[in-house]
């Protein structure tokens, strides 16, 4: 009798789970509230974050209003890579949208002073910096550039979003793990928050690839 009751409860639970997946709840439409100082049409700002020349050129051609260039490490050739692209595209198009730089989340083996020196050297080429690591708040002090928090900072509620703004961030990209209602609630309470509407998000980042260290070569990262 006890086993029969357990089976009955399990079947009922499975049916409820199946019903919840079969119904697609309608997500609330996010409304972008404007403050008193923004100009008409300024928000939302269409922004693209890119990782290579091809993506960057396509984004500019599509008419993005702000372009974020990603760097994967602190080596000088990585930064030179983007400076070459900017010079080429400016000659070709005559004008580029404001360009921000997304800082790499991992600084090893670079030390804090080396990172700061690199930022001082490269900051003249960009309109602002996107932070992906809490340590960037210390490195970017005194650079006199606007700062934006990337989605990797994992702002998931009003407390974390407000705290990041208090630390000096001018804007902040909310965590993509939030649903539309949660994003709306934060955006109403904390001005300057944005959201990710499309794109590929890495689920995990490793400094050392365990597959490659064991002699494997999957080729997915271009180094295997």
C-alpha atoms as a PDB file:
ATOM      1  CA  UNK A   1       0.000   0.000   0.000  1.00  0.00           C
ATOM      2  CA  UNK A   2       2.846   2.363   0.858  1.00  0.00           C
ATOM      3  CA  UNK A   3       4.613   1.714  -2.444  1.00  0.00           C
ATOM      4  CA  UNK A   4       1.368   2.343  -4.303  1.00  0.00           C
ATOM      5  CA  UNK A   5       0.988   5.717  -2.609  1.00  0.00           C
ATOM      6  CA  UNK A   6       4.601   6.592  -3.511  1.00  0.00           C
ATOM      7  CA  UNK A   7       4.014   5.679  -7.161  1.00  0.00           C
ATOM      8  CA  UNK A   8       0.820   7.706  -7.180  1.00  0.00           C
ATOM      9  CA  UNK A   9       2.613  10.761  -5.733  1.00  0.00           C
ATOM     10  CA  UNK A  10       5.517  10.379  -8.171  1.00  0.00           C
ATOM     11  CA  UNK A  11       3.172  10.138 -11.156  1.00  0.00           C
ATOM     12  CA  UNK A  12       1.260  13.212 -10.023  1.00  0.00           C
ATOM     13  CA  UNK A  13       4.504  15.164  -9.607  1.00  0.00           C
ATOM     14  CA  UNK A  14       5.744  14.139 -13.049  1.00  0.00           C
ATOM     15  CA  UNK A  15       2.456  15.232 -14.575  1.00  0.00           C
ATOM     16  CA  UNK A  16       2.718  18.655 -12.915  1.00  0.00           C
ATOM     17  CA  UNK A  17       6.275  19.099 -14.192  1.00  0.00           C
ATOM     18  CA  UNK A  18       5.224  18.127 -17.717  1.00  0.00           C
ATOM     19  CA  UNK A  19       2.325  20.606 -17.595  1.00  0.00           C
ATOM     20  CA  UNK A  20       4.628  23.420 -16.458  1.00  0.00           C
ATOM     21  CA  UNK A  21       6.913  22.858 -19.437  1.00  0.00           C
ATOM     22  CA  UNK A  22       4.027  22.577 -21.888  1.00  0.00           C
ATOM     23  CA  UNK A  23       2.753  26.035 -20.944  1.00  0.00           C
ATOM     24  CA  UNK A  24       4.881  28.926 -22.152  1.00  0.00           C
ATOM     25  CA  UNK A  25       4.250  31.901 -19.853  1.00  0.00           C
ATOM     26  CA  UNK A  26       4.121  35.271 -21.545  1.00  0.00           C
ATOM     27  CA  UNK A  27       7.082  37.378 -20.523  1.00  0.00           C
ATOM     28  CA  UNK A  28       6.339  40.953 -19.515  1.00  0.00           C
ATOM     29  CA  UNK A  29       7.466  43.594 -21.984  1.00  0.00           C
ATOM     30  CA  UNK A  30      10.365  45.609 -20.631  1.00  0.00           C
ATOM     31  CA  UNK A  31       9.768  49.348 -20.689  1.00  0.00           C
ATOM     32  CA  UNK A  32      12.790  51.649 -20.816  1.00  0.00           C
ATOM     33  CA  UNK A  33      12.151  54.562 -18.495  1.00  0.00           C
ATOM     34  CA  UNK A  34      13.756  57.869 -19.434  1.00  0.00           C
ATOM     35  CA  UNK A  35      15.002  60.357 -16.910  1.00  0.00           C
ATOM     36  CA  UNK A  36      14.877  64.102 -17.214  1.00  0.00           C
ATOM     37  CA  UNK A  37      18.364  64.596 -18.686  1.00  0.00           C
ATOM     38  CA  UNK A  38      18.323  62.087 -21.572  1.00  0.00           C
ATOM     39  CA  UNK A  39      17.665  63.289 -25.089  1.00  0.00           C
ATOM     40  CA  UNK A  40      14.785  61.741 -27.075  1.00  0.00           C
ATOM     41  CA  UNK A  41      15.885  58.524 -28.747  1.00  0.00           C
ATOM     42  CA  UNK A  42      18.996  58.140 -26.572  1.00  0.00           C
ATOM     43  CA  UNK A  43      17.743  55.047 -24.732  1.00  0.00           C
ATOM     44  CA  UNK A  44      18.002  52.191 -25.310  1.00  0.00           C
ATOM     45  CA  UNK A  45      21.470  52.456 -26.835  1.00  0.00           C
ATOM     46  CA  UNK A  46      22.119  49.695 -29.357  1.00  0.00           C
ATOM     47  CA  UNK A  47      25.489  48.215 -28.423  1.00  0.00           C
ATOM     48  CA  UNK A  48      27.504  45.351 -29.886  1.00  0.00           C
ATOM     49  CA  UNK A  49      30.305  43.466 -28.138  1.00  0.00           C
ATOM     50  CA  UNK A  50      32.701  41.804 -30.604  1.00  0.00           C
ATOM     51  CA  UNK A  51      35.777  39.584 -30.494  1.00  0.00           C
ATOM     52  CA  UNK A  52      37.359  39.881 -33.973  1.00  0.00           C
ATOM     53  CA  UNK A  53      37.715  42.123 -37.025  1.00  0.00           C
ATOM     54  CA  UNK A  54      34.889  40.483 -38.950  1.00  0.00           C
ATOM     55  CA  UNK A  55      32.360  40.908 -36.163  1.00  0.00           C
ATOM     56  CA  UNK A  56      33.445  44.509 -35.565  1.00  0.00           C
ATOM     57  CA  UNK A  57      33.131  45.516 -39.223  1.00  0.00           C
ATOM     58  CA  UNK A  58      29.722  43.835 -39.493  1.00  0.00           C
ATOM     59  CA  UNK A  59      28.479  45.625 -36.364  1.00  0.00           C
ATOM     60  CA  UNK A  60      29.611  49.032 -37.630  1.00  0.00           C
ATOM     61  CA  UNK A  61      28.023  48.329 -41.008  1.00  0.00           C
ATOM     62  CA  UNK A  62      24.751  47.442 -39.271  1.00  0.00           C
ATOM     63  CA  UNK A  63      24.693  50.849 -37.581  1.00  0.00           C
ATOM     64  CA  UNK A  64      25.397  50.096 -33.919  1.00  0.00           C
ATOM     65  CA  UNK A  65      25.507  53.166 -31.696  1.00  0.00           C
ATOM     66  CA  UNK A  66      28.310  51.912 -29.456  1.00  0.00           C
ATOM     67  CA  UNK A  67      30.935  49.250 -30.125  1.00  0.00           C
ATOM     68  CA  UNK A  68      32.713  47.191 -27.458  1.00  0.00           C
ATOM     69  CA  UNK A  69      35.961  45.508 -28.464  1.00  0.00           C
ATOM     70  CA  UNK A  70      36.942  42.446 -26.457  1.00  0.00           C
ATOM     71  CA  UNK A  71      40.502  41.498 -25.566  1.00  0.00           C
ATOM     72  CA  UNK A  72      41.356  38.046 -24.274  1.00  0.00           C
ATOM     73  CA  UNK A  73      44.655  38.856 -22.561  1.00  0.00           C
ATOM     74  CA  UNK A  74      47.068  41.677 -21.747  1.00  0.00           C
ATOM     75  CA  UNK A  75      49.701  40.982 -24.418  1.00  0.00           C
ATOM     76  CA  UNK A  76      50.681  43.997 -26.523  1.00  0.00           C
ATOM     77  CA  UNK A  77      49.883  42.315 -29.846  1.00  0.00           C
ATOM     78  CA  UNK A  78      46.235  41.887 -28.793  1.00  0.00           C
ATOM     79  CA  UNK A  79      45.846  45.644 -28.308  1.00  0.00           C
ATOM     80  CA  UNK A  80      47.772  46.368 -31.508  1.00  0.00           C
ATOM     81  CA  UNK A  81      45.316  44.085 -33.289  1.00  0.00           C
ATOM     82  CA  UNK A  82      42.414  46.421 -32.443  1.00  0.00           C
ATOM     83  CA  UNK A  83      44.302  49.656 -33.074  1.00  0.00           C
ATOM     84  CA  UNK A  84      45.048  48.482 -36.616  1.00  0.00           C
ATOM     85  CA  UNK A  85      41.383  47.703 -37.198  1.00  0.00           C
ATOM     86  CA  UNK A  86      40.261  51.118 -35.912  1.00  0.00           C
ATOM     87  CA  UNK A  87      42.692  52.974 -38.159  1.00  0.00           C
ATOM     88  CA  UNK A  88      41.658  50.942 -41.199  1.00  0.00           C
ATOM     89  CA  UNK A  89      37.918  51.324 -40.609  1.00  0.00           C
ATOM     90  CA  UNK A  90      38.192  55.039 -39.903  1.00  0.00           C
ATOM     91  CA  UNK A  91      39.946  55.583 -43.244  1.00  0.00           C
ATOM     92  CA  UNK A  92      37.294  53.486 -44.951  1.00  0.00           C
ATOM     93  CA  UNK A  93      34.172  54.930 -43.334  1.00  0.00           C
ATOM     94  CA  UNK A  94      35.346  58.346 -42.207  1.00  0.00           C
ATOM     95  CA  UNK A  95      33.681  57.972 -38.817  1.00  0.00           C
ATOM     96  CA  UNK A  96      33.204  55.243 -36.240  1.00  0.00           C
ATOM     97  CA  UNK A  97      30.734  54.943 -33.347  1.00  0.00           C
ATOM     98  CA  UNK A  98      32.113  55.434 -29.819  1.00  0.00           C
ATOM     99  CA  UNK A  99      34.423  52.515 -29.108  1.00  0.00           C
ATOM    100  CA  UNK A 100      34.782  50.973 -25.663  1.00  0.00           C
ATOM    101  CA  UNK A 101      37.252  48.320 -24.564  1.00  0.00           C
ATOM    102  CA  UNK A 102      36.198  45.232 -22.603  1.00  0.00           C
ATOM    103  CA  UNK A 103      38.980  44.255 -20.227  1.00  0.00           C
ATOM    104  CA  UNK A 104      40.034  40.585 -19.940  1.00  0.00           C
ATOM    105  CA  UNK A 105      38.782  38.984 -16.747  1.00  0.00           C
ATOM    106  CA  UNK A 106      42.106  37.236 -16.043  1.00  0.00           C
ATOM    107  CA  UNK A 107      45.297  39.266 -15.536  1.00  0.00           C
ATOM    108  CA  UNK A 108      47.812  36.493 -14.831  1.00  0.00           C
ATOM    109  CA  UNK A 109      50.776  36.539 -15.119  1.00  0.00           C
ATOM    110  CA  UNK A 110      50.614  40.334 -15.130  1.00  0.00           C
ATOM    111  CA  UNK A 111      50.818  42.217 -11.839  1.00  0.00           C
ATOM    112  CA  UNK A 112      48.677  45.175 -10.799  1.00  0.00           C
ATOM    113  CA  UNK A 113      51.273  47.802 -11.727  1.00  0.00           C
ATOM    114  CA  UNK A 114      51.815  46.294 -15.175  1.00  0.00           C
ATOM    115  CA  UNK A 115      48.070  46.245 -15.786  1.00  0.00           C
ATOM    116  CA  UNK A 116      47.685  49.887 -14.745  1.00  0.00           C
ATOM    117  CA  UNK A 117      50.561  50.907 -17.043  1.00  0.00           C
ATOM    118  CA  UNK A 118      48.927  49.103 -19.964  1.00  0.00           C
ATOM    119  CA  UNK A 119      45.580  50.775 -19.280  1.00  0.00           C
ATOM    120  CA  UNK A 120      47.167  54.229 -19.116  1.00  0.00           C
ATOM    121  CA  UNK A 121      48.905  53.577 -22.423  1.00  0.00           C
ATOM    122  CA  UNK A 122      45.845  52.251 -24.242  1.00  0.00           C
ATOM    123  CA  UNK A 123      43.074  54.382 -22.714  1.00  0.00           C
ATOM    124  CA  UNK A 124      43.690  57.244 -25.169  1.00  0.00           C
ATOM    125  CA  UNK A 125      42.287  55.098 -27.979  1.00  0.00           C
ATOM    126  CA  UNK A 126      38.912  54.352 -26.375  1.00  0.00           C
ATOM    127  CA  UNK A 127      35.837  56.220 -25.160  1.00  0.00           C
ATOM    128  CA  UNK A 128      35.304  53.984 -22.135  1.00  0.00           C
ATOM    129  CA  UNK A 129      36.110  50.680 -20.457  1.00  0.00           C
ATOM    130  CA  UNK A 130      33.939  47.638 -19.725  1.00  0.00           C
ATOM    131  CA  UNK A 131      34.833  45.854 -16.485  1.00  0.00           C
ATOM    132  CA  UNK A 132      34.440  42.083 -16.198  1.00  0.00           C
ATOM    133  CA  UNK A 133      36.201  41.550 -12.875  1.00  0.00           C
ATOM    134  CA  UNK A 134      35.893  43.256  -9.481  1.00  0.00           C
ATOM    135  CA  UNK A 135      39.647  43.872  -9.514  1.00  0.00           C
ATOM    136  CA  UNK A 136      39.187  46.202 -12.473  1.00  0.00           C
ATOM    137  CA  UNK A 137      37.631  48.779 -10.140  1.00  0.00           C
ATOM    138  CA  UNK A 138      41.046  49.305  -8.550  1.00  0.00           C
ATOM    139  CA  UNK A 139      43.006  49.221 -11.799  1.00  0.00           C
ATOM    140  CA  UNK A 140      40.843  51.825 -13.549  1.00  0.00           C
ATOM    141  CA  UNK A 141      40.872  54.509 -10.852  1.00  0.00           C
ATOM    142  CA  UNK A 142      42.283  57.802 -12.084  1.00  0.00           C
ATOM    143  CA  UNK A 143      41.946  57.005 -15.812  1.00  0.00           C
ATOM    144  CA  UNK A 144      39.191  59.598 -16.306  1.00  0.00           C
ATOM    145  CA  UNK A 145      37.177  57.291 -18.568  1.00  0.00           C
ATOM    146  CA  UNK A 146      33.539  56.205 -18.290  1.00  0.00           C
ATOM    147  CA  UNK A 147      33.194  52.724 -16.810  1.00  0.00           C
ATOM    148  CA  UNK A 148      30.586  50.105 -17.616  1.00  0.00           C
ATOM    149  CA  UNK A 149      30.026  46.836 -15.779  1.00  0.00           C
ATOM    150  CA  UNK A 150      29.789  43.760 -18.002  1.00  0.00           C
ATOM    151  CA  UNK A 151      27.400  40.857 -17.520  1.00  0.00           C
ATOM    152  CA  UNK A 152      30.220  38.844 -15.906  1.00  0.00           C
ATOM    153  CA  UNK A 153      29.907  40.998 -12.766  1.00  0.00           C
ATOM    154  CA  UNK A 154      26.672  39.063 -12.194  1.00  0.00           C
ATOM    155  CA  UNK A 155      24.377  41.870 -11.048  1.00  0.00           C
ATOM    156  CA  UNK A 156      21.241  39.948 -10.118  1.00  0.00           C
ATOM    157  CA  UNK A 157      19.335  42.325  -7.827  1.00  0.00           C
ATOM    158  CA  UNK A 158      18.928  45.984  -6.914  1.00  0.00           C
ATOM    159  CA  UNK A 159      21.434  45.783  -4.046  1.00  0.00           C
ATOM    160  CA  UNK A 160      24.290  44.484  -6.193  1.00  0.00           C
ATOM    161  CA  UNK A 161      23.431  46.842  -9.066  1.00  0.00           C
ATOM    162  CA  UNK A 162      23.277  49.883  -6.778  1.00  0.00           C
ATOM    163  CA  UNK A 163      26.545  48.882  -5.105  1.00  0.00           C
ATOM    164  CA  UNK A 164      28.335  48.668  -8.447  1.00  0.00           C
ATOM    165  CA  UNK A 165      27.040  52.124  -9.364  1.00  0.00           C
ATOM    166  CA  UNK A 166      28.303  53.460  -6.022  1.00  0.00           C
ATOM    167  CA  UNK A 167      31.741  52.027  -6.859  1.00  0.00           C
ATOM    168  CA  UNK A 168      31.943  54.365  -9.844  1.00  0.00           C
ATOM    169  CA  UNK A 169      30.309  52.533 -12.736  1.00  0.00           C
ATOM    170  CA  UNK A 170      28.394  54.778 -15.108  1.00  0.00           C
ATOM    171  CA  UNK A 171      26.321  51.911 -16.507  1.00  0.00           C
ATOM    172  CA  UNK A 172      25.844  48.214 -15.884  1.00  0.00           C
ATOM    173  CA  UNK A 173      24.766  45.173 -17.897  1.00  0.00           C
ATOM    174  CA  UNK A 174      22.461  42.964 -15.859  1.00  0.00           C
ATOM    175  CA  UNK A 175      22.975  39.237 -15.484  1.00  0.00           C
ATOM    176  CA  UNK A 176      21.440  37.291 -18.409  1.00  0.00           C
ATOM    177  CA  UNK A 177      20.147  34.745 -15.875  1.00  0.00           C
ATOM    178  CA  UNK A 178      17.378  37.151 -14.826  1.00  0.00           C
ATOM    179  CA  UNK A 179      13.921  37.017 -16.344  1.00  0.00           C
ATOM    180  CA  UNK A 180      12.168  40.022 -17.869  1.00  0.00           C
ATOM    181  CA  UNK A 181      10.229  40.936 -14.714  1.00  0.00           C
ATOM    182  CA  UNK A 182      13.380  40.893 -12.564  1.00  0.00           C
ATOM    183  CA  UNK A 183      15.273  43.022 -15.082  1.00  0.00           C
ATOM    184  CA  UNK A 184      12.416  45.503 -15.240  1.00  0.00           C
ATOM    185  CA  UNK A 185      12.361  45.835 -11.449  1.00  0.00           C
ATOM    186  CA  UNK A 186      16.104  46.569 -11.272  1.00  0.00           C
ATOM    187  CA  UNK A 187      16.080  48.984 -14.225  1.00  0.00           C
ATOM    188  CA  UNK A 188      13.302  51.044 -12.645  1.00  0.00           C
ATOM    189  CA  UNK A 189      15.114  51.275  -9.303  1.00  0.00           C
ATOM    190  CA  UNK A 190      18.713  51.635 -10.523  1.00  0.00           C
ATOM    191  CA  UNK A 191      19.232  54.021 -13.479  1.00  0.00           C
ATOM    192  CA  UNK A 192      21.837  53.158 -16.079  1.00  0.00           C
ATOM    193  CA  UNK A 193      21.257  49.398 -16.235  1.00  0.00           C
ATOM    194  CA  UNK A 194      21.061  47.580 -19.543  1.00  0.00           C
ATOM    195  CA  UNK A 195      20.354  44.059 -20.739  1.00  0.00           C
ATOM    196  CA  UNK A 196      21.763  41.509 -23.133  1.00  0.00           C
ATOM    197  CA  UNK A 197      19.271  40.747 -25.901  1.00  0.00           C
ATOM    198  CA  UNK A 198      21.276  38.438 -28.171  1.00  0.00           C
ATOM    199  CA  UNK A 199      24.631  36.727 -28.202  1.00  0.00           C
ATOM    200  CA  UNK A 200      26.828  33.812 -27.237  1.00  0.00           C
ATOM    201  CA  UNK A 201      27.750  33.525 -23.566  1.00  0.00           C
ATOM    202  CA  UNK A 202      30.586  31.269 -22.394  1.00  0.00           C
ATOM    203  CA  UNK A 203      29.330  28.971 -19.643  1.00  0.00           C
ATOM    204  CA  UNK A 204      32.782  28.523 -18.117  1.00  0.00           C
ATOM    205  CA  UNK A 205      36.181  30.175 -18.433  1.00  0.00           C
ATOM    206  CA  UNK A 206      39.385  28.321 -17.571  1.00  0.00           C
ATOM    207  CA  UNK A 207      42.883  29.761 -17.390  1.00  0.00           C
ATOM    208  CA  UNK A 208      44.381  26.353 -18.231  1.00  0.00           C
ATOM    209  CA  UNK A 209      42.636  23.898 -20.549  1.00  0.00           C
ATOM    210  CA  UNK A 210      42.710  20.421 -18.923  1.00  0.00           C
ATOM    211  CA  UNK A 211      42.194  18.771 -22.300  1.00  0.00           C
ATOM    212  CA  UNK A 212      45.197  20.467 -23.894  1.00  0.00           C
ATOM    213  CA  UNK A 213      47.422  19.796 -20.865  1.00  0.00           C
ATOM    214  CA  UNK A 214      46.755  16.075 -21.294  1.00  0.00           C
ATOM    215  CA  UNK A 215      47.979  16.202 -24.872  1.00  0.00           C
ATOM    216  CA  UNK A 216      44.579  16.676 -26.505  1.00  0.00           C
ATOM    217  CA  UNK A 217      43.929  18.933 -29.465  1.00  0.00           C
ATOM    218  CA  UNK A 218      40.257  19.679 -29.984  1.00  0.00           C
ATOM    219  CA  UNK A 219      40.951  22.886 -31.919  1.00  0.00           C
ATOM    220  CA  UNK A 220      37.967  24.729 -30.428  1.00  0.00           C
ATOM    221  CA  UNK A 221      40.001  27.614 -29.017  1.00  0.00           C
ATOM    222  CA  UNK A 222      42.445  27.934 -31.900  1.00  0.00           C
ATOM    223  CA  UNK A 223      45.363  26.823 -29.745  1.00  0.00           C
ATOM    224  CA  UNK A 224      44.771  23.058 -29.602  1.00  0.00           C
END
